[in-house]
Amino acid sequence: MKQAVKGALLSGLVLPGLGQITLKRYPHGIGFLLVSLACIIYIVNTTVSQVMSSLAVLDPAMAPLMPPPAGTDHSGAVLWILGLCWVWSVLDAYRSGDVLDRAKTDRG
């Protein structure tokens, strides 16, 4: 399998940054991984908080378990950041793999 396709598939189907790490572009891969994991953690945290709020409305005994209300909900912006990071990661992995594929073809 070509490096370009392999890197793009790993970044697109598994986790952003994984394709770059496979292609040995560690700083890019770690950057994409950190941004995407931070976004995913924020989304999961917000979702759990909203579920707990809903449970507290349904069952007042759950109110003490509910976390304090957070400030403004930025889930929409975080989803956009995650989506852009994901697309950028796929394109970057494909481009990086293509450079490696061309270098291999030129040598061999």
N, C-alpha and C. Protein backbone atom coordinates (compact mmCIF):
# COMPACT_ATOMS: atom_id res chain seq x y z
N MET A 1 0.85 -1.18 0.00
CA MET A 1 0.00 0.00 0.00
C MET A 1 0.90 1.24 0.00
N LYS A 2 0.51 2.22 -0.77
CA LYS A 2 1.29 3.45 -0.83
C LYS A 2 1.23 4.18 0.51
N GLN A 3 2.31 4.87 0.83
CA GLN A 3 2.40 5.61 2.09
C GLN A 3 1.32 6.70 2.17
N ALA A 4 1.03 7.35 1.04
CA ALA A 4 0.05 8.43 1.02
C ALA A 4 -1.32 7.92 1.43
N VAL A 5 -1.71 6.80 0.87
CA VAL A 5 -3.04 6.22 1.17
C VAL A 5 -3.07 5.71 2.61
N LYS A 6 -2.01 5.03 3.01
CA LYS A 6 -1.92 4.49 4.37
C LYS A 6 -2.04 5.60 5.42
N GLY A 7 -1.29 6.67 5.24
CA GLY A 7 -1.33 7.78 6.19
C GLY A 7 -2.69 8.46 6.23
N ALA A 8 -3.29 8.68 5.04
CA ALA A 8 -4.60 9.33 4.99
C ALA A 8 -5.67 8.46 5.63
N LEU A 9 -5.62 7.16 5.39
CA LEU A 9 -6.62 6.27 5.99
C LEU A 9 -6.50 6.22 7.52
N LEU A 10 -5.28 6.16 8.01
CA LEU A 10 -5.10 6.12 9.47
C LEU A 10 -5.57 7.42 10.12
N SER A 11 -5.25 8.55 9.49
CA SER A 11 -5.68 9.84 10.05
C SER A 11 -7.18 10.05 9.90
N GLY A 12 -7.75 9.53 8.82
CA GLY A 12 -9.17 9.75 8.57
C GLY A 12 -10.09 8.80 9.28
N LEU A 13 -9.69 7.54 9.39
CA LEU A 13 -10.60 6.53 9.94
C LEU A 13 -10.33 6.17 11.40
N VAL A 14 -9.13 6.43 11.87
CA VAL A 14 -8.81 6.05 13.25
C VAL A 14 -8.76 7.28 14.15
N LEU A 15 -7.75 8.11 13.97
CA LEU A 15 -7.59 9.30 14.81
C LEU A 15 -6.68 10.29 14.10
N PRO A 16 -7.04 11.57 14.09
CA PRO A 16 -6.16 12.55 13.45
C PRO A 16 -4.77 12.53 14.08
N GLY A 17 -3.75 12.53 13.22
CA GLY A 17 -2.38 12.51 13.70
C GLY A 17 -1.74 11.14 13.64
N LEU A 18 -2.55 10.09 13.60
CA LEU A 18 -1.98 8.75 13.57
C LEU A 18 -1.26 8.48 12.25
N GLY A 19 -1.76 9.01 11.16
CA GLY A 19 -1.09 8.86 9.88
C GLY A 19 0.27 9.53 9.87
N GLN A 20 0.35 10.73 10.47
CA GLN A 20 1.63 11.44 10.54
C GLN A 20 2.64 10.67 11.40
N ILE A 21 2.17 10.10 12.49
CA ILE A 21 3.06 9.34 13.35
C ILE A 21 3.57 8.10 12.62
N THR A 22 2.71 7.45 11.85
CA THR A 22 3.11 6.30 11.06
C THR A 22 4.15 6.69 10.02
N LEU A 23 4.02 7.90 9.47
CA LEU A 23 4.96 8.39 8.46
C LEU A 23 6.20 9.04 9.09
N LYS A 24 6.32 8.93 10.41
CA LYS A 24 7.47 9.46 11.17
C LYS A 24 7.55 10.99 11.13
N ARG A 25 6.40 11.65 11.08
CA ARG A 25 6.34 13.11 11.20
C ARG A 25 5.76 13.39 12.58
N TYR A 26 6.56 13.13 13.59
CA TYR A 26 6.11 13.14 14.97
C TYR A 26 5.58 14.48 15.46
N PRO A 27 6.22 15.61 15.20
CA PRO A 27 5.66 16.87 15.71
C PRO A 27 4.25 17.17 15.15
N HIS A 28 4.06 16.92 13.86
CA HIS A 28 2.73 17.14 13.27
C HIS A 28 1.72 16.17 13.87
N GLY A 29 2.11 14.90 13.97
CA GLY A 29 1.20 13.89 14.50
C GLY A 29 0.78 14.17 15.92
N ILE A 30 1.74 14.55 16.76
CA ILE A 30 1.42 14.84 18.16
C ILE A 30 0.54 16.08 18.26
N GLY A 31 0.81 17.07 17.42
CA GLY A 31 -0.03 18.28 17.42
C GLY A 31 -1.47 17.96 17.07
N PHE A 32 -1.68 17.19 15.99
CA PHE A 32 -3.04 16.81 15.61
C PHE A 32 -3.70 15.96 16.69
N LEU A 33 -2.93 15.04 17.27
CA LEU A 33 -3.49 14.19 18.34
C LEU A 33 -3.92 15.02 19.54
N LEU A 34 -3.09 15.97 19.97
CA LEU A 34 -3.42 16.78 21.15
C LEU A 34 -4.67 17.63 20.92
N VAL A 35 -4.74 18.26 19.75
CA VAL A 35 -5.91 19.10 19.46
C VAL A 35 -7.18 18.26 19.41
N SER A 36 -7.11 17.14 18.69
CA SER A 36 -8.32 16.32 18.56
C SER A 36 -8.73 15.69 19.88
N LEU A 37 -7.78 15.22 20.67
CA LEU A 37 -8.13 14.64 21.97
C LEU A 37 -8.69 15.69 22.93
N ALA A 38 -8.15 16.90 22.90
CA ALA A 38 -8.70 17.97 23.74
C ALA A 38 -10.15 18.27 23.34
N CYS A 39 -10.42 18.31 22.05
CA CYS A 39 -11.79 18.56 21.58
C CYS A 39 -12.73 17.43 22.00
N ILE A 40 -12.26 16.18 21.84
CA ILE A 40 -13.09 15.04 22.20
C ILE A 40 -13.37 15.03 23.70
N ILE A 41 -12.37 15.32 24.51
CA ILE A 41 -12.57 15.37 25.96
C ILE A 41 -13.58 16.46 26.33
N TYR A 42 -13.46 17.63 25.70
CA TYR A 42 -14.40 18.71 25.98
C TYR A 42 -15.83 18.30 25.61
N ILE A 43 -16.01 17.68 24.46
CA ILE A 43 -17.34 17.28 24.01
C ILE A 43 -17.93 16.23 24.94
N VAL A 44 -17.12 15.25 25.35
CA VAL A 44 -17.61 14.22 26.27
C VAL A 44 -17.97 14.84 27.61
N ASN A 45 -17.13 15.74 28.11
CA ASN A 45 -17.39 16.41 29.39
C ASN A 45 -18.70 17.20 29.34
N THR A 46 -18.90 17.94 28.26
CA THR A 46 -20.12 18.73 28.11
C THR A 46 -21.35 17.84 28.03
N THR A 47 -21.22 16.73 27.29
CA THR A 47 -22.34 15.81 27.14
C THR A 47 -22.71 15.18 28.48
N VAL A 48 -21.72 14.75 29.24
CA VAL A 48 -21.98 14.15 30.55
C VAL A 48 -22.64 15.18 31.47
N SER A 49 -22.18 16.41 31.43
CA SER A 49 -22.78 17.46 32.25
C SER A 49 -24.24 17.69 31.88
N GLN A 50 -24.54 17.69 30.59
CA GLN A 50 -25.93 17.88 30.16
C GLN A 50 -26.81 16.70 30.55
N VAL A 51 -26.27 15.50 30.48
CA VAL A 51 -27.03 14.31 30.90
C VAL A 51 -27.30 14.37 32.40
N MET A 52 -26.31 14.76 33.17
CA MET A 52 -26.51 14.87 34.62
C MET A 52 -27.55 15.93 34.95
N SER A 53 -27.57 17.03 34.21
CA SER A 53 -28.57 18.07 34.43
C SER A 53 -29.96 17.54 34.13
N SER A 54 -30.07 16.77 33.07
CA SER A 54 -31.37 16.17 32.72
C SER A 54 -31.81 15.19 33.79
N LEU A 55 -30.89 14.41 34.32
CA LEU A 55 -31.24 13.47 35.38
C LEU A 55 -31.68 14.19 36.64
N ALA A 56 -31.05 15.31 36.94
CA ALA A 56 -31.41 16.07 38.13
C ALA A 56 -32.83 16.63 38.01
N VAL A 57 -33.23 16.96 36.80
CA VAL A 57 -34.60 17.45 36.59
C VAL A 57 -35.59 16.31 36.79
N LEU A 58 -35.24 15.13 36.28
CA LEU A 58 -36.14 13.98 36.40
C LEU A 58 -36.17 13.41 37.81
N ASP A 59 -35.04 13.40 38.48
CA ASP A 59 -34.95 12.84 39.83
C ASP A 59 -34.19 13.81 40.72
N PRO A 60 -34.90 14.56 41.58
CA PRO A 60 -34.23 15.55 42.44
C PRO A 60 -33.18 14.95 43.36
N ALA A 61 -33.23 13.66 43.62
CA ALA A 61 -32.22 13.02 44.47
C ALA A 61 -30.86 13.01 43.78
N MET A 62 -30.83 13.20 42.46
CA MET A 62 -29.57 13.22 41.71
C MET A 62 -28.90 14.59 41.77
N ALA A 63 -29.59 15.61 42.26
CA ALA A 63 -29.07 16.97 42.26
C ALA A 63 -27.71 17.10 42.97
N PRO A 64 -27.49 16.44 44.12
CA PRO A 64 -26.16 16.58 44.75
C PRO A 64 -25.02 16.00 43.91
N LEU A 65 -25.33 15.07 43.02
CA LEU A 65 -24.30 14.46 42.19
C LEU A 65 -23.95 15.32 40.97
N MET A 66 -24.78 16.30 40.72
CA MET A 66 -24.60 17.12 39.52
C MET A 66 -23.44 18.09 39.70
N PRO A 67 -22.59 18.20 38.67
CA PRO A 67 -21.49 19.18 38.76
C PRO A 67 -22.04 20.60 38.71
N PRO A 68 -21.28 21.55 39.20
CA PRO A 68 -21.76 22.93 39.14
C PRO A 68 -21.91 23.36 37.68
N PRO A 69 -22.87 24.24 37.41
CA PRO A 69 -23.08 24.65 36.02
C PRO A 69 -21.86 25.35 35.45
N ALA A 70 -21.54 24.98 34.24
CA ALA A 70 -20.38 25.59 33.57
C ALA A 70 -20.80 26.90 32.94
N GLY A 71 -19.83 27.62 32.43
CA GLY A 71 -20.11 28.89 31.76
C GLY A 71 -20.77 28.65 30.42
N THR A 72 -20.35 29.39 29.45
CA THR A 72 -20.91 29.30 28.12
C THR A 72 -20.55 27.97 27.47
N ASP A 73 -21.50 27.42 26.73
CA ASP A 73 -21.28 26.17 26.03
C ASP A 73 -20.66 26.47 24.66
N HIS A 74 -19.47 25.95 24.44
CA HIS A 74 -18.74 26.20 23.19
C HIS A 74 -18.70 24.95 22.31
N SER A 75 -19.66 24.04 22.48
CA SER A 75 -19.62 22.77 21.76
C SER A 75 -19.61 22.94 20.25
N GLY A 76 -20.35 23.90 19.74
CA GLY A 76 -20.39 24.11 18.30
C GLY A 76 -19.03 24.49 17.74
N ALA A 77 -18.36 25.41 18.41
CA ALA A 77 -17.03 25.83 17.97
C ALA A 77 -16.03 24.68 18.10
N VAL A 78 -16.14 23.91 19.17
CA VAL A 78 -15.22 22.79 19.37
C VAL A 78 -15.43 21.72 18.30
N LEU A 79 -16.69 21.48 17.91
CA LEU A 79 -16.95 20.53 16.83
C LEU A 79 -16.35 21.00 15.51
N TRP A 80 -16.43 22.29 15.23
CA TRP A 80 -15.81 22.84 14.03
C TRP A 80 -14.30 22.66 14.06
N ILE A 81 -13.70 22.95 15.21
CA ILE A 81 -12.25 22.79 15.34
C ILE A 81 -11.85 21.33 15.13
N LEU A 82 -12.61 20.41 15.73
CA LEU A 82 -12.32 18.99 15.57
C LEU A 82 -12.46 18.57 14.11
N GLY A 83 -13.51 19.02 13.45
CA GLY A 83 -13.72 18.67 12.04
C GLY A 83 -12.61 19.20 11.15
N LEU A 84 -12.24 20.46 11.36
CA LEU A 84 -11.16 21.05 10.56
C LEU A 84 -9.83 20.35 10.83
N CYS A 85 -9.58 20.02 12.08
CA CYS A 85 -8.35 19.31 12.44
C CYS A 85 -8.32 17.94 11.75
N TRP A 86 -9.46 17.27 11.72
CA TRP A 86 -9.55 15.95 11.11
C TRP A 86 -9.26 16.02 9.61
N VAL A 87 -9.91 16.96 8.93
CA VAL A 87 -9.70 17.11 7.48
C VAL A 87 -8.26 17.52 7.19
N TRP A 88 -7.75 18.48 7.94
CA TRP A 88 -6.37 18.94 7.74
C TRP A 88 -5.39 17.80 7.96
N SER A 89 -5.65 16.97 8.96
CA SER A 89 -4.78 15.84 9.25
C SER A 89 -4.76 14.84 8.09
N VAL A 90 -5.92 14.56 7.52
CA VAL A 90 -5.98 13.63 6.39
C VAL A 90 -5.21 14.19 5.19
N LEU A 91 -5.45 15.46 4.88
CA LEU A 91 -4.76 16.08 3.74
C LEU A 91 -3.25 16.13 3.96
N ASP A 92 -2.83 16.47 5.18
CA ASP A 92 -1.41 16.55 5.49
C ASP A 92 -0.76 15.17 5.42
N ALA A 93 -1.44 14.15 5.93
CA ALA A 93 -0.89 12.80 5.89
C ALA A 93 -0.78 12.32 4.44
N TYR A 94 -1.77 12.62 3.63
CA TYR A 94 -1.71 12.21 2.22
C TYR A 94 -0.55 12.91 1.52
N ARG A 95 -0.42 14.21 1.75
CA ARG A 95 0.65 14.98 1.11
C ARG A 95 2.02 14.48 1.56
N SER A 96 2.17 14.22 2.84
CA SER A 96 3.46 13.74 3.37
C SER A 96 3.79 12.36 2.82
N GLY A 97 2.79 11.49 2.75
CA GLY A 97 3.00 10.16 2.20
C GLY A 97 3.32 10.21 0.72
N ASP A 98 2.70 11.15 0.01
CA ASP A 98 2.97 11.30 -1.42
C ASP A 98 4.41 11.72 -1.65
N VAL A 99 4.92 12.61 -0.81
CA VAL A 99 6.33 13.03 -0.92
C VAL A 99 7.24 11.82 -0.71
N LEU A 100 6.93 10.98 0.27
CA LEU A 100 7.74 9.77 0.51
C LEU A 100 7.64 8.79 -0.66
N ASP A 101 6.42 8.62 -1.20
CA ASP A 101 6.24 7.73 -2.34
C ASP A 101 7.03 8.20 -3.56
N ARG A 102 7.01 9.50 -3.82
CA ARG A 102 7.74 10.05 -4.97
C ARG A 102 9.26 9.89 -4.78
N ALA A 103 9.71 10.10 -3.55
CA ALA A 103 11.15 9.95 -3.29
C ALA A 103 11.57 8.49 -3.50
N LYS A 104 10.71 7.57 -3.09
CA LYS A 104 11.02 6.14 -3.26
C LYS A 104 11.03 5.78 -4.75
N THR A 105 10.09 6.33 -5.52
CA THR A 105 10.02 6.07 -6.95
C THR A 105 11.23 6.65 -7.68
N ASP A 106 11.65 7.85 -7.28
CA ASP A 106 12.80 8.50 -7.92
C ASP A 106 14.10 7.74 -7.65
N ARG A 107 14.22 7.16 -6.47
CA ARG A 107 15.43 6.41 -6.12
C ARG A 107 15.48 5.06 -6.82
N GLY A 108 14.30 4.43 -6.89
CA GLY A 108 14.30 3.05 -7.34
C GLY A 108 13.94 2.86 -8.72
